[in-house]
């Protein structure tokens, strides 16, 4: 991730863990996080995942509905294109 960040020109971003939990050496800026997001949104699989409101998974044979809590999902595009 750090190599990728550098290749994207991000100079104030550093990753320590893959899960993103707190660590003093795990940091970025709001601007660079926006650049990472812009880059990620060019990936069709990522865009599909983050654009999904609800999805049912099965754990040990039991269905579990998981929901995206992003309140802008489905609203932002309507606001921009209305």
PDB file of N, CA and C in Angstrom:
ATOM      1  N   UNK A   1       0.832  -1.195   0.000  1.00  0.00           N
ATOM      2  CA  UNK A   1       0.000   0.000   0.000  1.00  0.00           C
ATOM      3  C   UNK A   1       0.875   1.257   0.000  1.00  0.00           C
ATOM      4  N   UNK A   2       1.958   1.229   0.762  1.00  0.00           N
ATOM      5  CA  UNK A   2       2.828   2.402   0.791  1.00  0.00           C
ATOM      6  C   UNK A   2       3.490   2.647  -0.556  1.00  0.00           C
ATOM      7  N   UNK A   3       3.890   1.563  -1.241  1.00  0.00           N
ATOM      8  CA  UNK A   3       4.455   1.723  -2.583  1.00  0.00           C
ATOM      9  C   UNK A   3       3.419   2.310  -3.534  1.00  0.00           C
ATOM     10  N   UNK A   4       2.175   1.836  -3.444  1.00  0.00           N
ATOM     11  CA  UNK A   4       1.108   2.341  -4.307  1.00  0.00           C
ATOM     12  C   UNK A   4       0.844   3.811  -4.005  1.00  0.00           C
ATOM     13  N   UNK A   5       0.822   4.158  -2.719  1.00  0.00           N
ATOM     14  CA  UNK A   5       0.609   5.554  -2.332  1.00  0.00           C
ATOM     15  C   UNK A   5       1.694   6.444  -2.938  1.00  0.00           C
ATOM     16  N   UNK A   6       2.919   6.007  -2.851  1.00  0.00           N
ATOM     17  CA  UNK A   6       4.015   6.792  -3.434  1.00  0.00           C
ATOM     18  C   UNK A   6       3.873   6.891  -4.947  1.00  0.00           C
ATOM     19  N   UNK A   7       3.455   5.796  -5.595  1.00  0.00           N
ATOM     20  CA  UNK A   7       3.303   5.833  -7.053  1.00  0.00           C
ATOM     21  C   UNK A   7       2.179   6.768  -7.480  1.00  0.00           C
ATOM     22  N   UNK A   8       1.229   7.019  -6.571  1.00  0.00           N
ATOM     23  CA  UNK A   8       0.140   7.962  -6.849  1.00  0.00           C
ATOM     24  C   UNK A   8       0.523   9.393  -6.477  1.00  0.00           C
ATOM     25  N   UNK A   9       1.758   9.568  -5.992  1.00  0.00           N
ATOM     26  CA  UNK A   9       2.232  10.902  -5.630  1.00  0.00           C
ATOM     27  C   UNK A   9       1.786  11.369  -4.257  1.00  0.00           C
ATOM     28  N   UNK A  10       1.379  10.437  -3.417  1.00  0.00           N
ATOM     29  CA  UNK A  10       0.902  10.782  -2.076  1.00  0.00           C
ATOM     30  C   UNK A  10       2.090  10.823  -1.125  1.00  0.00           C
ATOM     31  N   UNK A  11       2.401  12.002  -0.633  1.00  0.00           N
ATOM     32  CA  UNK A  11       3.597  12.161   0.201  1.00  0.00           C
ATOM     33  C   UNK A  11       3.288  12.225   1.695  1.00  0.00           C
ATOM     34  N   UNK A  12       2.026  12.370   2.058  1.00  0.00           N
ATOM     35  CA  UNK A  12       1.682  12.451   3.485  1.00  0.00           C
ATOM     36  C   UNK A  12       0.713  11.336   3.872  1.00  0.00           C
ATOM     37  N   UNK A  13       0.901  10.173   3.246  1.00  0.00           N
ATOM     38  CA  UNK A  13       0.092   8.994   3.553  1.00  0.00           C
ATOM     39  C   UNK A  13       1.041   7.850   3.872  1.00  0.00           C
ATOM     40  N   UNK A  14       0.739   7.119   4.946  1.00  0.00           N
ATOM     41  CA  UNK A  14       1.543   5.954   5.320  1.00  0.00           C
ATOM     42  C   UNK A  14       0.640   4.924   5.967  1.00  0.00           C
ATOM     43  N   UNK A  15       0.748   3.699   5.498  1.00  0.00           N
ATOM     44  CA  UNK A  15      -0.058   2.598   6.026  1.00  0.00           C
ATOM     45  C   UNK A  15       0.803   1.677   6.872  1.00  0.00           C
ATOM     46  N   UNK A  16       0.208   1.142   7.936  1.00  0.00           N
ATOM     47  CA  UNK A  16       0.893   0.190   8.797  1.00  0.00           C
ATOM     48  C   UNK A  16       0.171  -1.149   8.769  1.00  0.00           C
ATOM     49  N   UNK A  17      -1.145  -1.101   8.839  1.00  0.00           N
ATOM     50  CA  UNK A  17      -1.932  -2.325   8.911  1.00  0.00           C
ATOM     51  C   UNK A  17      -2.927  -2.367   7.748  1.00  0.00           C
ATOM     52  N   UNK A  18      -3.315  -3.552   7.314  1.00  0.00           N
ATOM     53  CA  UNK A  18      -4.280  -3.639   6.221  1.00  0.00           C
ATOM     54  C   UNK A  18      -5.702  -3.294   6.646  1.00  0.00           C
ATOM     55  N   UNK A  19      -5.999  -3.360   7.936  1.00  0.00           N
ATOM     56  CA  UNK A  19      -7.361  -3.106   8.405  1.00  0.00           C
ATOM     57  C   UNK A  19      -7.601  -1.650   8.770  1.00  0.00           C
ATOM     58  N   UNK A  20      -6.561  -0.855   8.891  1.00  0.00           N
ATOM     59  CA  UNK A  20      -6.723   0.568   9.141  1.00  0.00           C
ATOM     60  C   UNK A  20      -7.014   0.970  10.576  1.00  0.00           C
ATOM     61  N   UNK A  21      -6.879   0.025  11.506  1.00  0.00           N
ATOM     62  CA  UNK A  21      -7.100   0.384  12.908  1.00  0.00           C
ATOM     63  C   UNK A  21      -5.990   1.304  13.392  1.00  0.00           C
ATOM     64  N   UNK A  22      -6.257   2.003  14.477  1.00  0.00           N
ATOM     65  CA  UNK A  22      -5.339   3.026  14.978  1.00  0.00           C
ATOM     66  C   UNK A  22      -3.911   2.533  15.163  1.00  0.00           C
ATOM     67  N   UNK A  23      -3.001   3.359  14.706  1.00  0.00           N
ATOM     68  CA  UNK A  23      -1.578   3.171  14.908  1.00  0.00           C
ATOM     69  C   UNK A  23      -0.956   4.538  14.674  1.00  0.00           C
ATOM     70  N   UNK A  24      -0.010   4.937  15.505  1.00  0.00           N
ATOM     71  CA  UNK A  24       0.596   6.259  15.363  1.00  0.00           C
ATOM     72  C   UNK A  24       1.283   6.462  14.011  1.00  0.00           C
ATOM     73  N   UNK A  25       1.696   5.377  13.382  1.00  0.00           N
ATOM     74  CA  UNK A  25       2.375   5.482  12.094  1.00  0.00           C
ATOM     75  C   UNK A  25       1.445   5.243  10.902  1.00  0.00           C
ATOM     76  N   UNK A  26       0.154   5.221  11.159  1.00  0.00           N
ATOM     77  CA  UNK A  26      -0.856   5.029  10.105  1.00  0.00           C
ATOM     78  C   UNK A  26      -1.555   6.380   9.933  1.00  0.00           C
ATOM     79  N   UNK A  27      -1.317   7.070   8.801  1.00  0.00           N
ATOM     80  CA  UNK A  27      -1.867   8.418   8.642  1.00  0.00           C
ATOM     81  C   UNK A  27      -2.050   8.785   7.179  1.00  0.00           C
ATOM     82  N   UNK A  28      -2.876   9.794   6.964  1.00  0.00           N
ATOM     83  CA  UNK A  28      -3.066  10.399   5.652  1.00  0.00           C
ATOM     84  C   UNK A  28      -3.680  11.779   5.887  1.00  0.00           C
ATOM     85  N   UNK A  29      -3.981  12.469   4.813  1.00  0.00           N
ATOM     86  CA  UNK A  29      -4.684  13.750   4.907  1.00  0.00           C
ATOM     87  C   UNK A  29      -6.040  13.589   4.230  1.00  0.00           C
ATOM     88  N   UNK A  30      -6.939  14.504   4.487  1.00  0.00           N
ATOM     89  CA  UNK A  30      -8.245  14.451   3.834  1.00  0.00           C
ATOM     90  C   UNK A  30      -8.081  14.541   2.316  1.00  0.00           C
ATOM     91  N   UNK A  31      -7.178  15.382   1.873  1.00  0.00           N
ATOM     92  CA  UNK A  31      -6.943  15.538   0.437  1.00  0.00           C
ATOM     93  C   UNK A  31      -6.432  14.245  -0.186  1.00  0.00           C
ATOM     94  N   UNK A  32      -5.438  13.638   0.452  1.00  0.00           N
ATOM     95  CA  UNK A  32      -4.879  12.416  -0.105  1.00  0.00           C
ATOM     96  C   UNK A  32      -5.868  11.250  -0.005  1.00  0.00           C
ATOM     97  N   UNK A  33      -6.700  11.236   1.021  1.00  0.00           N
ATOM     98  CA  UNK A  33      -7.744  10.215   1.112  1.00  0.00           C
ATOM     99  C   UNK A  33      -8.733  10.382  -0.041  1.00  0.00           C
ATOM    100  N   UNK A  34      -9.035  11.620  -0.405  1.00  0.00           N
ATOM    101  CA  UNK A  34      -9.906  11.877  -1.554  1.00  0.00           C
ATOM    102  C   UNK A  34      -9.241  11.394  -2.845  1.00  0.00           C
ATOM    103  N   UNK A  35      -7.932  11.575  -2.978  1.00  0.00           N
ATOM    104  CA  UNK A  35      -7.220  11.086  -4.164  1.00  0.00           C
ATOM    105  C   UNK A  35      -7.245   9.553  -4.220  1.00  0.00           C
ATOM    106  N   UNK A  36      -7.079   8.897  -3.066  1.00  0.00           N
ATOM    107  CA  UNK A  36      -7.142   7.436  -3.004  1.00  0.00           C
ATOM    108  C   UNK A  36      -8.534   6.970  -3.427  1.00  0.00           C
ATOM    109  N   UNK A  37      -9.558   7.642  -2.919  1.00  0.00           N
ATOM    110  CA  UNK A  37     -10.933   7.283  -3.254  1.00  0.00           C
ATOM    111  C   UNK A  37     -11.198   7.475  -4.742  1.00  0.00           C
ATOM    112  N   UNK A  38     -10.737   8.582  -5.293  1.00  0.00           N
ATOM    113  CA  UNK A  38     -10.911   8.839  -6.725  1.00  0.00           C
ATOM    114  C   UNK A  38     -10.249   7.740  -7.541  1.00  0.00           C
ATOM    115  N   UNK A  39      -9.059   7.321  -7.140  1.00  0.00           N
ATOM    116  CA  UNK A  39      -8.358   6.245  -7.827  1.00  0.00           C
ATOM    117  C   UNK A  39      -9.146   4.939  -7.706  1.00  0.00           C
ATOM    118  N   UNK A  40      -9.609   4.628  -6.506  1.00  0.00           N
ATOM    119  CA  UNK A  40     -10.344   3.374  -6.267  1.00  0.00           C
ATOM    120  C   UNK A  40     -11.644   3.317  -7.066  1.00  0.00           C
ATOM    121  N   UNK A  41     -12.299   4.449  -7.243  1.00  0.00           N
ATOM    122  CA  UNK A  41     -13.568   4.468  -7.970  1.00  0.00           C
ATOM    123  C   UNK A  41     -13.405   4.168  -9.460  1.00  0.00           C
ATOM    124  N   UNK A  42     -12.181   4.115  -9.944  1.00  0.00           N
ATOM    125  CA  UNK A  42     -11.930   3.693 -11.321  1.00  0.00           C
ATOM    126  C   UNK A  42     -11.961   2.174 -11.457  1.00  0.00           C
ATOM    127  N   UNK A  43     -12.012   1.468 -10.332  1.00  0.00           N
ATOM    128  CA  UNK A  43     -12.081   0.010 -10.321  1.00  0.00           C
ATOM    129  C   UNK A  43     -13.550  -0.395 -10.266  1.00  0.00           C
ATOM    130  N   UNK A  44     -14.037  -1.084 -11.301  1.00  0.00           N
ATOM    131  CA  UNK A  44     -15.461  -1.424 -11.388  1.00  0.00           C
ATOM    132  C   UNK A  44     -15.940  -2.282 -10.219  1.00  0.00           C
ATOM    133  N   UNK A  45     -15.110  -3.206  -9.754  1.00  0.00           N
ATOM    134  CA  UNK A  45     -15.503  -4.066  -8.638  1.00  0.00           C
ATOM    135  C   UNK A  45     -15.670  -3.240  -7.368  1.00  0.00           C
ATOM    136  N   UNK A  46     -14.719  -2.369  -7.095  1.00  0.00           N
ATOM    137  CA  UNK A  46     -14.800  -1.499  -5.912  1.00  0.00           C
ATOM    138  C   UNK A  46     -16.034  -0.615  -5.991  1.00  0.00           C
ATOM    139  N   UNK A  47     -16.261  -0.002  -7.149  1.00  0.00           N
ATOM    140  CA  UNK A  47     -17.413   0.883  -7.332  1.00  0.00           C
ATOM    141  C   UNK A  47     -18.722   0.137  -7.098  1.00  0.00           C
ATOM    142  N   UNK A  48     -18.801  -1.091  -7.575  1.00  0.00           N
ATOM    143  CA  UNK A  48     -20.004  -1.892  -7.364  1.00  0.00           C
ATOM    144  C   UNK A  48     -20.216  -2.199  -5.884  1.00  0.00           C
ATOM    145  N   UNK A  49     -19.150  -2.558  -5.199  1.00  0.00           N
ATOM    146  CA  UNK A  49     -19.260  -2.898  -3.776  1.00  0.00           C
ATOM    147  C   UNK A  49     -19.702  -1.686  -2.960  1.00  0.00           C
ATOM    148  N   UNK A  50     -19.037  -0.548  -3.128  1.00  0.00           N
ATOM    149  CA  UNK A  50     -19.382   0.618  -2.309  1.00  0.00           C
ATOM    150  C   UNK A  50     -20.709   1.247  -2.729  1.00  0.00           C
ATOM    151  N   UNK A  51     -21.205   0.875  -3.921  1.00  0.00           N
ATOM    152  CA  UNK A  51     -22.483   1.394  -4.388  1.00  0.00           C
ATOM    153  C   UNK A  51     -23.659   0.493  -4.063  1.00  0.00           C
ATOM    154  N   UNK A  52     -23.422  -0.564  -3.326  1.00  0.00           N
ATOM    155  CA  UNK A  52     -24.479  -1.513  -2.974  1.00  0.00           C
ATOM    156  C   UNK A  52     -25.118  -1.120  -1.647  1.00  0.00           C
ATOM    157  N   UNK A  53     -26.443  -0.930  -1.647  1.00  0.00           N
ATOM    158  CA  UNK A  53     -27.141  -0.531  -0.415  1.00  0.00           C
ATOM    159  C   UNK A  53     -27.319  -1.695   0.549  1.00  0.00           C
ATOM    160  N   UNK A  54     -27.741  -2.847   0.037  1.00  0.00           N
ATOM    161  CA  UNK A  54     -27.995  -4.017   0.879  1.00  0.00           C
ATOM    162  C   UNK A  54     -27.474  -5.258   0.184  1.00  0.00           C
ATOM    163  N   UNK A  55     -27.018  -6.215   0.994  1.00  0.00           N
ATOM    164  CA  UNK A  55     -26.519  -7.474   0.444  1.00  0.00           C
ATOM    165  C   UNK A  55     -26.739  -8.563   1.486  1.00  0.00           C
ATOM    166  N   UNK A  56     -27.187  -9.703   1.040  1.00  0.00           N
ATOM    167  CA  UNK A  56     -27.391 -10.817   1.957  1.00  0.00           C
ATOM    168  C   UNK A  56     -26.249 -11.805   1.810  1.00  0.00           C
ATOM    169  N   UNK A  57     -25.603 -12.091   2.932  1.00  0.00           N
ATOM    170  CA  UNK A  57     -24.545 -13.090   2.964  1.00  0.00           C
ATOM    171  C   UNK A  57     -25.055 -14.293   3.755  1.00  0.00           C
ATOM    172  N   UNK A  58     -24.399 -15.421   3.597  1.00  0.00           N
ATOM    173  CA  UNK A  58     -24.775 -16.612   4.345  1.00  0.00           C
ATOM    174  C   UNK A  58     -23.605 -17.027   5.223  1.00  0.00           C
ATOM    175  N   UNK A  59     -23.869 -17.139   6.517  1.00  0.00           N
ATOM    176  CA  UNK A  59     -22.856 -17.556   7.485  1.00  0.00           C
ATOM    177  C   UNK A  59     -23.363 -18.819   8.164  1.00  0.00           C
ATOM    178  N   UNK A  60     -22.624 -19.911   8.000  1.00  0.00           N
ATOM    179  CA  UNK A  60     -23.019 -21.200   8.592  1.00  0.00           C
ATOM    180  C   UNK A  60     -24.453 -21.573   8.223  1.00  0.00           C
ATOM    181  N   UNK A  61     -24.831 -21.309   6.990  1.00  0.00           N
ATOM    182  CA  UNK A  61     -26.157 -21.671   6.517  1.00  0.00           C
ATOM    183  C   UNK A  61     -27.260 -20.696   6.884  1.00  0.00           C
ATOM    184  N   UNK A  62     -26.914 -19.631   7.580  1.00  0.00           N
ATOM    185  CA  UNK A  62     -27.906 -18.640   7.997  1.00  0.00           C
ATOM    186  C   UNK A  62     -27.730 -17.348   7.207  1.00  0.00           C
ATOM    187  N   UNK A  63     -28.796 -16.866   6.579  1.00  0.00           N
ATOM    188  CA  UNK A  63     -28.696 -15.605   5.836  1.00  0.00           C
ATOM    189  C   UNK A  63     -28.579 -14.419   6.793  1.00  0.00           C
ATOM    190  N   UNK A  64     -27.757 -13.450   6.403  1.00  0.00           N
ATOM    191  CA  UNK A  64     -27.569 -12.237   7.204  1.00  0.00           C
ATOM    192  C   UNK A  64     -27.563 -11.055   6.242  1.00  0.00           C
ATOM    193  N   UNK A  65     -28.489 -10.119   6.448  1.00  0.00           N
ATOM    194  CA  UNK A  65     -28.558  -8.916   5.625  1.00  0.00           C
ATOM    195  C   UNK A  65     -27.573  -7.893   6.177  1.00  0.00           C
ATOM    196  N   UNK A  66     -26.689  -7.412   5.314  1.00  0.00           N
ATOM    197  CA  UNK A  66     -25.794  -6.331   5.708  1.00  0.00           C
ATOM    198  C   UNK A  66     -26.180  -5.105   4.890  1.00  0.00           C
ATOM    199  N   UNK A  67     -26.100  -3.943   5.522  1.00  0.00           N
ATOM    200  CA  UNK A  67     -26.542  -2.710   4.872  1.00  0.00           C
ATOM    201  C   UNK A  67     -25.444  -1.660   4.899  1.00  0.00           C
ATOM    202  N   UNK A  68     -25.327  -0.926   3.833  1.00  0.00           N
ATOM    203  CA  UNK A  68     -24.389   0.176   3.726  1.00  0.00           C
ATOM    204  C   UNK A  68     -24.975   1.356   4.500  1.00  0.00           C
ATOM    205  N   UNK A  69     -24.209   1.948   5.397  1.00  0.00           N
ATOM    206  CA  UNK A  69     -24.702   3.048   6.228  1.00  0.00           C
ATOM    207  C   UNK A  69     -24.396   4.432   5.641  1.00  0.00           C
ATOM    208  N   UNK A  70     -23.849   4.473   4.431  1.00  0.00           N
ATOM    209  CA  UNK A  70     -23.541   5.746   3.787  1.00  0.00           C
ATOM    210  C   UNK A  70     -24.850   6.441   3.410  1.00  0.00           C
ATOM    211  N   UNK A  71     -25.181   7.507   4.113  1.00  0.00           N
ATOM    212  CA  UNK A  71     -26.444   8.209   3.884  1.00  0.00           C
ATOM    213  C   UNK A  71     -26.487   8.939   2.539  1.00  0.00           C
ATOM    214  N   UNK A  72     -25.338   9.153   1.923  1.00  0.00           N
ATOM    215  CA  UNK A  72     -25.309   9.819   0.615  1.00  0.00           C
ATOM    216  C   UNK A  72     -25.519   8.846  -0.538  1.00  0.00           C
ATOM    217  N   UNK A  73     -25.446   7.553  -0.254  1.00  0.00           N
ATOM    218  CA  UNK A  73     -25.600   6.547  -1.297  1.00  0.00           C
ATOM    219  C   UNK A  73     -26.987   6.659  -1.933  1.00  0.00           C
ATOM    220  N   UNK A  74     -27.004   6.925  -3.230  1.00  0.00           N
ATOM    221  CA  UNK A  74     -28.260   7.067  -3.949  1.00  0.00           C
ATOM    222  C   UNK A  74     -28.845   8.468  -3.907  1.00  0.00           C
ATOM    223  N   UNK A  75     -28.289   9.337  -3.076  1.00  0.00           N
ATOM    224  CA  UNK A  75     -28.796  10.696  -2.953  1.00  0.00           C
ATOM    225  C   UNK A  75     -27.910  11.677  -3.714  1.00  0.00           C
ATOM    226  N   UNK A  76     -26.620  11.504  -3.617  1.00  0.00           N
ATOM    227  CA  UNK A  76     -25.680  12.449  -4.200  1.00  0.00           C
ATOM    228  C   UNK A  76     -25.868  12.589  -5.702  1.00  0.00           C
ATOM    229  N   UNK A  77     -25.980  11.492  -6.413  1.00  0.00           N
ATOM    230  CA  UNK A  77     -26.153  11.580  -7.873  1.00  0.00           C
ATOM    231  C   UNK A  77     -27.454  12.277  -8.235  1.00  0.00           C
ATOM    232  N   UNK A  78     -28.515  12.041  -7.483  1.00  0.00           N
ATOM    233  CA  UNK A  78     -29.782  12.735  -7.767  1.00  0.00           C
ATOM    234  C   UNK A  78     -29.613  14.237  -7.579  1.00  0.00           C
ATOM    235  N   UNK A  79     -28.862  14.637  -6.560  1.00  0.00           N
ATOM    236  CA  UNK A  79     -28.668  16.069  -6.302  1.00  0.00           C
ATOM    237  C   UNK A  79     -27.844  16.709  -7.412  1.00  0.00           C
ATOM    238  N   UNK A  80     -26.828  15.993  -7.887  1.00  0.00           N
ATOM    239  CA  UNK A  80     -25.955  16.573  -8.908  1.00  0.00           C
ATOM    240  C   UNK A  80     -26.610  16.645 -10.276  1.00  0.00           C
ATOM    241  N   UNK A  81     -27.498  15.715 -10.571  1.00  0.00           N
ATOM    242  CA  UNK A  81     -28.040  15.640 -11.912  1.00  0.00           C
ATOM    243  C   UNK A  81     -29.493  16.099 -12.007  1.00  0.00           C
ATOM    244  N   UNK A  82     -30.081  16.564 -10.919  1.00  0.00           N
ATOM    245  CA  UNK A  82     -31.480  17.005 -10.952  1.00  0.00           C
ATOM    246  C   UNK A  82     -31.593  18.371 -11.593  1.00  0.00           C
TER     247      UNK A  82
END
